[in-house]
PDB file of N, CA and C in Angstrom:
ATOM      1  N   MET A   1     -27.710  18.116   4.985  1.00  0.00           N
ATOM      2  CA  MET A   1     -26.307  18.432   4.801  1.00  0.00           C
ATOM      3  C   MET A   1     -25.433  17.616   5.740  1.00  0.00           C
ATOM      4  N   TRP A   2     -25.890  17.429   6.989  1.00  0.00           N
ATOM      5  CA  TRP A   2     -25.089  16.701   7.955  1.00  0.00           C
ATOM      6  C   TRP A   2     -24.865  15.259   7.510  1.00  0.00           C
ATOM      7  N   GLN A   3     -25.890  14.619   6.933  1.00  0.00           N
ATOM      8  CA  GLN A   3     -25.756  13.238   6.490  1.00  0.00           C
ATOM      9  C   GLN A   3     -24.730  13.120   5.379  1.00  0.00           C
ATOM     10  N   ILE A   4     -24.697  14.081   4.490  1.00  0.00           N
ATOM     11  CA  ILE A   4     -23.719  14.043   3.406  1.00  0.00           C
ATOM     12  C   ILE A   4     -22.314  14.142   3.977  1.00  0.00           C
ATOM     13  N   SER A   5     -22.093  15.032   4.931  1.00  0.00           N
ATOM     14  CA  SER A   5     -20.784  15.179   5.561  1.00  0.00           C
ATOM     15  C   SER A   5     -20.387  13.903   6.276  1.00  0.00           C
ATOM     16  N   SER A   6     -21.334  13.302   6.969  1.00  0.00           N
ATOM     17  CA  SER A   6     -21.078  12.074   7.701  1.00  0.00           C
ATOM     18  C   SER A   6     -20.690  10.947   6.751  1.00  0.00           C
ATOM     19  N   ARG A   7     -21.396  10.831   5.639  1.00  0.00           N
ATOM     20  CA  ARG A   7     -21.085   9.792   4.648  1.00  0.00           C
ATOM     21  C   ARG A   7     -19.728  10.042   4.010  1.00  0.00           C
ATOM     22  N   ALA A   8     -19.454  11.287   3.700  1.00  0.00           N
ATOM     23  CA  ALA A   8     -18.167  11.621   3.095  1.00  0.00           C
ATOM     24  C   ALA A   8     -17.038  11.308   4.054  1.00  0.00           C
ATOM     25  N   SER A   9     -17.232  11.608   5.323  1.00  0.00           N
ATOM     26  CA  SER A   9     -16.215  11.333   6.328  1.00  0.00           C
ATOM     27  C   SER A   9     -15.989   9.828   6.476  1.00  0.00           C
ATOM     28  N   ALA A  10     -17.069   9.054   6.456  1.00  0.00           N
ATOM     29  CA  ALA A  10     -16.953   7.599   6.557  1.00  0.00           C
ATOM     30  C   ALA A  10     -16.228   7.037   5.341  1.00  0.00           C
ATOM     31  N   SER A  11     -16.557   7.531   4.165  1.00  0.00           N
ATOM     32  CA  SER A  11     -15.893   7.071   2.944  1.00  0.00           C
ATOM     33  C   SER A  11     -14.421   7.446   2.959  1.00  0.00           C
ATOM     34  N   GLN A  12     -14.133   8.636   3.437  1.00  0.00           N
ATOM     35  CA  GLN A  12     -12.747   9.080   3.521  1.00  0.00           C
ATOM     36  C   GLN A  12     -11.970   8.187   4.486  1.00  0.00           C
ATOM     37  N   GLY A  13     -12.587   7.822   5.596  1.00  0.00           N
ATOM     38  CA  GLY A  13     -11.934   6.939   6.560  1.00  0.00           C
ATOM     39  C   GLY A  13     -11.658   5.566   5.971  1.00  0.00           C
ATOM     40  N   GLN A  14     -12.612   5.048   5.212  1.00  0.00           N
ATOM     41  CA  GLN A  14     -12.426   3.742   4.583  1.00  0.00           C
ATOM     42  C   GLN A  14     -11.316   3.788   3.545  1.00  0.00           C
ATOM     43  N   LEU A  15     -11.278   4.866   2.778  1.00  0.00           N
ATOM     44  CA  LEU A  15     -10.234   5.010   1.771  1.00  0.00           C
ATOM     45  C   LEU A  15      -8.866   5.110   2.433  1.00  0.00           C
ATOM     46  N   HIS A  16      -8.787   5.867   3.510  1.00  0.00           N
ATOM     47  CA  HIS A  16      -7.525   6.018   4.230  1.00  0.00           C
ATOM     48  C   HIS A  16      -7.068   4.671   4.800  1.00  0.00           C
ATOM     49  N   ALA A  17      -8.003   3.899   5.355  1.00  0.00           N
ATOM     50  CA  ALA A  17      -7.675   2.582   5.901  1.00  0.00           C
ATOM     51  C   ALA A  17      -7.183   1.639   4.802  1.00  0.00           C
ATOM     52  N   ALA A  18      -7.808   1.697   3.642  1.00  0.00           N
ATOM     53  CA  ALA A  18      -7.385   0.848   2.522  1.00  0.00           C
ATOM     54  C   ALA A  18      -5.979   1.217   2.063  1.00  0.00           C
ATOM     55  N   LEU A  19      -5.693   2.511   2.000  1.00  0.00           N
ATOM     56  CA  LEU A  19      -4.348   2.947   1.613  1.00  0.00           C
ATOM     57  C   LEU A  19      -3.314   2.519   2.644  1.00  0.00           C
ATOM     58  N   ASP A  20      -3.681   2.555   3.918  1.00  0.00           N
ATOM     59  CA  ASP A  20      -2.774   2.087   4.969  1.00  0.00           C
ATOM     60  C   ASP A  20      -2.486   0.598   4.816  1.00  0.00           C
ATOM     61  N   ARG A  21      -3.520  -0.190   4.484  1.00  0.00           N
ATOM     62  CA  ARG A  21      -3.318  -1.633   4.289  1.00  0.00           C
ATOM     63  C   ARG A  21      -2.402  -1.902   3.097  1.00  0.00           C
ATOM     64  N   ILE A  22      -2.568  -1.138   2.026  1.00  0.00           N
ATOM     65  CA  ILE A  22      -1.696  -1.298   0.863  1.00  0.00           C
ATOM     66  C   ILE A  22      -0.260  -0.983   1.253  1.00  0.00           C
ATOM     67  N   SER A  23      -0.071   0.091   1.985  1.00  0.00           N
ATOM     68  CA  SER A  23       1.264   0.482   2.436  1.00  0.00           C
ATOM     69  C   SER A  23       1.876  -0.585   3.342  1.00  0.00           C
ATOM     70  N   ASP A  24       1.079  -1.122   4.260  1.00  0.00           N
ATOM     71  CA  ASP A  24       1.567  -2.169   5.158  1.00  0.00           C
ATOM     72  C   ASP A  24       1.977  -3.418   4.383  1.00  0.00           C
ATOM     73  N   THR A  25       1.194  -3.779   3.376  1.00  0.00           N
ATOM     74  CA  THR A  25       1.508  -4.946   2.551  1.00  0.00           C
ATOM     75  C   THR A  25       2.819  -4.737   1.802  1.00  0.00           C
ATOM     76  N   GLN A  26       3.010  -3.537   1.258  1.00  0.00           N
ATOM     77  CA  GLN A  26       4.251  -3.212   0.547  1.00  0.00           C
ATOM     78  C   GLN A  26       5.450  -3.276   1.497  1.00  0.00           C
ATOM     79  N   THR A  27       5.286  -2.728   2.686  1.00  0.00           N
ATOM     80  CA  THR A  27       6.370  -2.716   3.668  1.00  0.00           C
ATOM     81  C   THR A  27       6.727  -4.133   4.105  1.00  0.00           C
ATOM     82  N   ALA A  28       5.723  -4.959   4.355  1.00  0.00           N
ATOM     83  CA  ALA A  28       5.965  -6.342   4.769  1.00  0.00           C
ATOM     84  C   ALA A  28       6.700  -7.115   3.678  1.00  0.00           C
ATOM     85  N   ALA A  29       6.314  -6.926   2.438  1.00  0.00           N
ATOM     86  CA  ALA A  29       6.972  -7.621   1.327  1.00  0.00           C
ATOM     87  C   ALA A  29       8.423  -7.176   1.195  1.00  0.00           C
ATOM     88  N   ARG A  30       8.652  -5.874   1.315  1.00  0.00           N
ATOM     89  CA  ARG A  30      10.015  -5.353   1.218  1.00  0.00           C
ATOM     90  C   ARG A  30      10.885  -5.896   2.360  1.00  0.00           C
ATOM     91  N   THR A  31      10.324  -5.960   3.560  1.00  0.00           N
ATOM     92  CA  THR A  31      11.060  -6.476   4.714  1.00  0.00           C
ATOM     93  C   THR A  31      11.409  -7.945   4.519  1.00  0.00           C
ATOM     94  N   GLN A  32      10.440  -8.731   4.047  1.00  0.00           N
ATOM     95  CA  GLN A  32      10.697 -10.153   3.783  1.00  0.00           C
ATOM     96  C   GLN A  32      11.797 -10.324   2.742  1.00  0.00           C
ATOM     97  N   ALA A  33      11.741  -9.534   1.684  1.00  0.00           N
ATOM     98  CA  ALA A  33      12.749  -9.633   0.623  1.00  0.00           C
ATOM     99  C   ALA A  33      14.132  -9.271   1.159  1.00  0.00           C
ATOM    100  N   GLU A  34      14.209  -8.243   1.995  1.00  0.00           N
ATOM    101  CA  GLU A  34      15.499  -7.855   2.579  1.00  0.00           C
ATOM    102  C   GLU A  34      16.043  -8.955   3.478  1.00  0.00           C
ATOM    103  N   LYS A  35      15.170  -9.554   4.289  1.00  0.00           N
ATOM    104  CA  LYS A  35      15.598 -10.643   5.169  1.00  0.00           C
ATOM    105  C   LYS A  35      16.119 -11.821   4.356  1.00  0.00           C
ATOM    106  N   PHE A  36      15.412 -12.162   3.278  1.00  0.00           N
ATOM    107  CA  PHE A  36      15.853 -13.271   2.434  1.00  0.00           C
ATOM    108  C   PHE A  36      17.199 -12.960   1.793  1.00  0.00           C
ATOM    109  N   THR A  37      17.351 -11.729   1.310  1.00  0.00           N
ATOM    110  CA  THR A  37      18.597 -11.317   0.665  1.00  0.00           C
ATOM    111  C   THR A  37      19.771 -11.389   1.635  1.00  0.00           C
ATOM    112  N   LEU A  38      19.519 -11.053   2.898  1.00  0.00           N
ATOM    113  CA  LEU A  38      20.578 -11.093   3.907  1.00  0.00           C
ATOM    114  C   LEU A  38      20.834 -12.505   4.421  1.00  0.00           C
ATOM    115  N   GLY A  39      20.022 -13.457   3.984  1.00  0.00           N
ATOM    116  CA  GLY A  39      20.228 -14.852   4.352  1.00  0.00           C
ATOM    117  C   GLY A  39      19.745 -15.209   5.745  1.00  0.00           C
ATOM    118  N   GLU A  40      18.791 -14.480   6.258  1.00  0.00           N
ATOM    119  CA  GLU A  40      18.266 -14.793   7.583  1.00  0.00           C
ATOM    120  C   GLU A  40      17.578 -16.153   7.556  1.00  0.00           C
ATOM    121  N   PRO A  41      17.804 -16.961   8.596  1.00  0.00           N
ATOM    122  CA  PRO A  41      17.158 -18.277   8.638  1.00  0.00           C
ATOM    123  C   PRO A  41      15.647 -18.143   8.839  1.00  0.00           C
ATOM    124  N   GLY A  42      14.919 -19.081   8.278  1.00  0.00           N
ATOM    125  CA  GLY A  42      13.474 -19.099   8.438  1.00  0.00           C
ATOM    126  C   GLY A  42      12.709 -18.305   7.395  1.00  0.00           C
ATOM    127  N   VAL A  43      13.422 -17.696   6.453  1.00  0.00           N
ATOM    128  CA  VAL A  43      12.758 -16.928   5.398  1.00  0.00           C
ATOM    129  C   VAL A  43      12.933 -17.699   4.090  1.00  0.00           C
ATOM    130  N   ALA A  44      11.833 -18.261   3.598  1.00  0.00           N
ATOM    131  CA  ALA A  44      11.878 -19.077   2.386  1.00  0.00           C
ATOM    132  C   ALA A  44      11.545 -18.230   1.161  1.00  0.00           C
ATOM    133  N   LEU A  45      12.125 -18.624   0.045  1.00  0.00           N
ATOM    134  CA  LEU A  45      11.904 -17.898  -1.203  1.00  0.00           C
ATOM    135  C   LEU A  45      10.427 -17.881  -1.588  1.00  0.00           C
ATOM    136  N   ASN A  46       9.743 -19.012  -1.404  1.00  0.00           N
ATOM    137  CA  ASN A  46       8.322 -19.041  -1.785  1.00  0.00           C
ATOM    138  C   ASN A  46       7.488 -18.071  -0.940  1.00  0.00           C
ATOM    139  N   ASP A  47       7.850 -17.881   0.328  1.00  0.00           N
ATOM    140  CA  ASP A  47       7.146 -16.898   1.165  1.00  0.00           C
ATOM    141  C   ASP A  47       7.399 -15.480   0.670  1.00  0.00           C
ATOM    142  N   VAL A  48       8.632 -15.208   0.282  1.00  0.00           N
ATOM    143  CA  VAL A  48       8.984 -13.884  -0.240  1.00  0.00           C
ATOM    144  C   VAL A  48       8.213 -13.611  -1.525  1.00  0.00           C
ATOM    145  N   MET A  49       8.185 -14.585  -2.419  1.00  0.00           N
ATOM    146  CA  MET A  49       7.488 -14.400  -3.690  1.00  0.00           C
ATOM    147  C   MET A  49       5.982 -14.209  -3.471  1.00  0.00           C
ATOM    148  N   THR A  50       5.418 -14.953  -2.526  1.00  0.00           N
ATOM    149  CA  THR A  50       3.995 -14.798  -2.216  1.00  0.00           C
ATOM    150  C   THR A  50       3.705 -13.404  -1.677  1.00  0.00           C
ATOM    151  N   ASP A  51       4.551 -12.929  -0.761  1.00  0.00           N
ATOM    152  CA  ASP A  51       4.356 -11.584  -0.208  1.00  0.00           C
ATOM    153  C   ASP A  51       4.508 -10.508  -1.277  1.00  0.00           C
ATOM    154  N   LEU A  52       5.468 -10.673  -2.162  1.00  0.00           N
ATOM    155  CA  LEU A  52       5.649  -9.700  -3.241  1.00  0.00           C
ATOM    156  C   LEU A  52       4.450  -9.687  -4.183  1.00  0.00           C
ATOM    157  N   GLN A  53       3.899 -10.863  -4.460  1.00  0.00           N
ATOM    158  CA  GLN A  53       2.724 -10.941  -5.331  1.00  0.00           C
ATOM    159  C   GLN A  53       1.506 -10.301  -4.667  1.00  0.00           C
ATOM    160  N   LYS A  54       1.329 -10.545  -3.367  1.00  0.00           N
ATOM    161  CA  LYS A  54       0.224  -9.910  -2.636  1.00  0.00           C
ATOM    162  C   LYS A  54       0.360  -8.391  -2.679  1.00  0.00           C
ATOM    163  N   ALA A  55       1.577  -7.904  -2.495  1.00  0.00           N
ATOM    164  CA  ALA A  55       1.813  -6.460  -2.531  1.00  0.00           C
ATOM    165  C   ALA A  55       1.491  -5.897  -3.908  1.00  0.00           C
ATOM    166  N   SER A  56       1.874  -6.623  -4.941  1.00  0.00           N
ATOM    167  CA  SER A  56       1.608  -6.174  -6.302  1.00  0.00           C
ATOM    168  C   SER A  56       0.106  -6.123  -6.588  1.00  0.00           C
ATOM    169  N   VAL A  57      -0.603  -7.161  -6.185  1.00  0.00           N
ATOM    170  CA  VAL A  57      -2.051  -7.214  -6.411  1.00  0.00           C
ATOM    171  C   VAL A  57      -2.759  -6.102  -5.638  1.00  0.00           C
ATOM    172  N   SER A  58      -2.347  -5.872  -4.399  1.00  0.00           N
ATOM    173  CA  SER A  58      -2.999  -4.816  -3.612  1.00  0.00           C
ATOM    174  C   SER A  58      -2.730  -3.440  -4.215  1.00  0.00           C
ATOM    175  N   LEU A  59      -1.528  -3.227  -4.731  1.00  0.00           N
ATOM    176  CA  LEU A  59      -1.220  -1.952  -5.372  1.00  0.00           C
ATOM    177  C   LEU A  59      -2.053  -1.770  -6.643  1.00  0.00           C
ATOM    178  N   GLN A  60      -2.175  -2.814  -7.447  1.00  0.00           N
ATOM    179  CA  GLN A  60      -2.983  -2.732  -8.664  1.00  0.00           C
ATOM    180  C   GLN A  60      -4.448  -2.449  -8.333  1.00  0.00           C
ATOM    181  N   MET A  61      -4.948  -3.067  -7.260  1.00  0.00           N
ATOM    182  CA  MET A  61      -6.322  -2.793  -6.839  1.00  0.00           C
ATOM    183  C   MET A  61      -6.471  -1.327  -6.442  1.00  0.00           C
ATOM    184  N   GLY A  62      -5.512  -0.815  -5.704  1.00  0.00           N
ATOM    185  CA  GLY A  62      -5.545   0.590  -5.307  1.00  0.00           C
ATOM    186  C   GLY A  62      -5.536   1.525  -6.497  1.00  0.00           C
ATOM    187  N   ILE A  63      -4.754   1.183  -7.493  1.00  0.00           N
ATOM    188  CA  ILE A  63      -4.694   1.998  -8.712  1.00  0.00           C
ATOM    189  C   ILE A  63      -6.043   1.980  -9.430  1.00  0.00           C
ATOM    190  N   GLN A  64      -6.682   0.809  -9.495  1.00  0.00           N
ATOM    191  CA  GLN A  64      -7.985   0.714 -10.154  1.00  0.00           C
ATOM    192  C   GLN A  64      -9.050   1.512  -9.399  1.00  0.00           C
ATOM    193  N   VAL A  65      -9.009   1.472  -8.073  1.00  0.00           N
ATOM    194  CA  VAL A  65      -9.957   2.266  -7.277  1.00  0.00           C
ATOM    195  C   VAL A  65      -9.733   3.748  -7.541  1.00  0.00           C
ATOM    196  N   ARG A  66      -8.474   4.162  -7.568  1.00  0.00           N
ATOM    197  CA  ARG A  66      -8.163   5.565  -7.859  1.00  0.00           C
ATOM    198  C   ARG A  66      -8.694   5.960  -9.228  1.00  0.00           C
ATOM    199  N   ASN A  67      -8.489   5.102 -10.222  1.00  0.00           N
ATOM    200  CA  ASN A  67      -8.974   5.397 -11.570  1.00  0.00           C
ATOM    201  C   ASN A  67     -10.493   5.563 -11.591  1.00  0.00           C
ATOM    202  N   LYS A  68     -11.200   4.707 -10.866  1.00  0.00           N
ATOM    203  CA  LYS A  68     -12.665   4.807 -10.804  1.00  0.00           C
ATOM    204  C   LYS A  68     -13.089   6.101 -10.111  1.00  0.00           C
ATOM    205  N   LEU A  69     -12.393   6.470  -9.046  1.00  0.00           N
ATOM    206  CA  LEU A  69     -12.727   7.712  -8.340  1.00  0.00           C
ATOM    207  C   LEU A  69     -12.492   8.931  -9.224  1.00  0.00           C
ATOM    208  N   VAL A  70     -11.390   8.937  -9.945  1.00  0.00           N
ATOM    209  CA  VAL A  70     -11.100  10.056 -10.844  1.00  0.00           C
ATOM    210  C   VAL A  70     -12.151  10.126 -11.947  1.00  0.00           C
ATOM    211  N   SER A  71     -12.520   8.980 -12.489  1.00  0.00           N
ATOM    212  CA  SER A  71     -13.537   8.937 -13.537  1.00  0.00           C
ATOM    213  C   SER A  71     -14.882   9.457 -13.016  1.00  0.00           C
ATOM    214  N   ALA A  72     -15.263   9.031 -11.822  1.00  0.00           N
ATOM    215  CA  ALA A  72     -16.525   9.502 -11.239  1.00  0.00           C
ATOM    216  C   ALA A  72     -16.473  11.002 -10.980  1.00  0.00           C
ATOM    217  N   TYR A  73     -15.351  11.491 -10.495  1.00  0.00           N
ATOM    218  CA  TYR A  73     -15.195  12.926 -10.241  1.00  0.00           C
ATOM    219  C   TYR A  73     -15.331  13.713 -11.541  1.00  0.00           C
ATOM    220  N   GLN A  74     -14.665  13.231 -12.594  1.00  0.00           N
ATOM    221  CA  GLN A  74     -14.736  13.927 -13.878  1.00  0.00           C
ATOM    222  C   GLN A  74     -16.162  13.927 -14.424  1.00  0.00           C
ATOM    223  N   GLU A  75     -16.872  12.824 -14.231  1.00  0.00           N
ATOM    224  CA  GLU A  75     -18.258  12.743 -14.692  1.00  0.00           C
ATOM    225  C   GLU A  75     -19.138  13.733 -13.935  1.00  0.00           C
ATOM    226  N   VAL A  76     -18.962  13.809 -12.623  1.00  0.00           N
ATOM    227  CA  VAL A  76     -19.749  14.752 -11.819  1.00  0.00           C
ATOM    228  C   VAL A  76     -19.421  16.186 -12.209  1.00  0.00           C
ATOM    229  N   MET A  77     -18.162  16.493 -12.415  1.00  0.00           N
ATOM    230  CA  MET A  77     -17.765  17.854 -12.764  1.00  0.00           C
ATOM    231  C   MET A  77     -18.265  18.239 -14.159  1.00  0.00           C
ATOM    232  N   GLY A  78     -18.496  17.248 -15.011  1.00  0.00           N
ATOM    233  CA  GLY A  78     -18.990  17.518 -16.352  1.00  0.00           C
ATOM    234  C   GLY A  78     -20.500  17.683 -16.432  1.00  0.00           C
ATOM    235  N   MET A  79     -21.196  17.373 -15.336  1.00  0.00           N
ATOM    236  CA  MET A  79     -22.659  17.507 -15.334  1.00  0.00           C
ATOM    237  C   MET A  79     -23.060  18.971 -15.347  1.00  0.00           C
ATOM    238  N   GLN A  80     -24.144  19.225 -16.060  1.00  0.00           N
ATOM    239  CA  GLN A  80     -24.671  20.587 -16.077  1.00  0.00           C
ATOM    240  C   GLN A  80     -25.804  20.690 -15.073  1.00  0.00           C
ATOM    241  N   VAL A  81     -25.833  21.805 -14.387  1.00  0.00           N
ATOM    242  CA  VAL A  81     -26.843  22.006 -13.341  1.00  0.00           C
ATOM    243  C   VAL A  81     -28.091  22.607 -13.925  1.00  0.00           C
TER     244      VAL A  81
END
């Protein structure tokens, strides 16, 4: 039982870290876009577009992971003992 708890805790930590990275990527992209919109020097349009694309890809990856987790949960809950 202890090993299962330990594995679940490790997986939960990894999932939480991944969600934090997605959030950080979104925040960085939004900040870059705001700086560009305000005309701050040193912020190029291509950098803003790259950051926005990275944020979009990371969000889509997070959504796909969530979908897989929900699917696995539904499959486990549908199993008969």
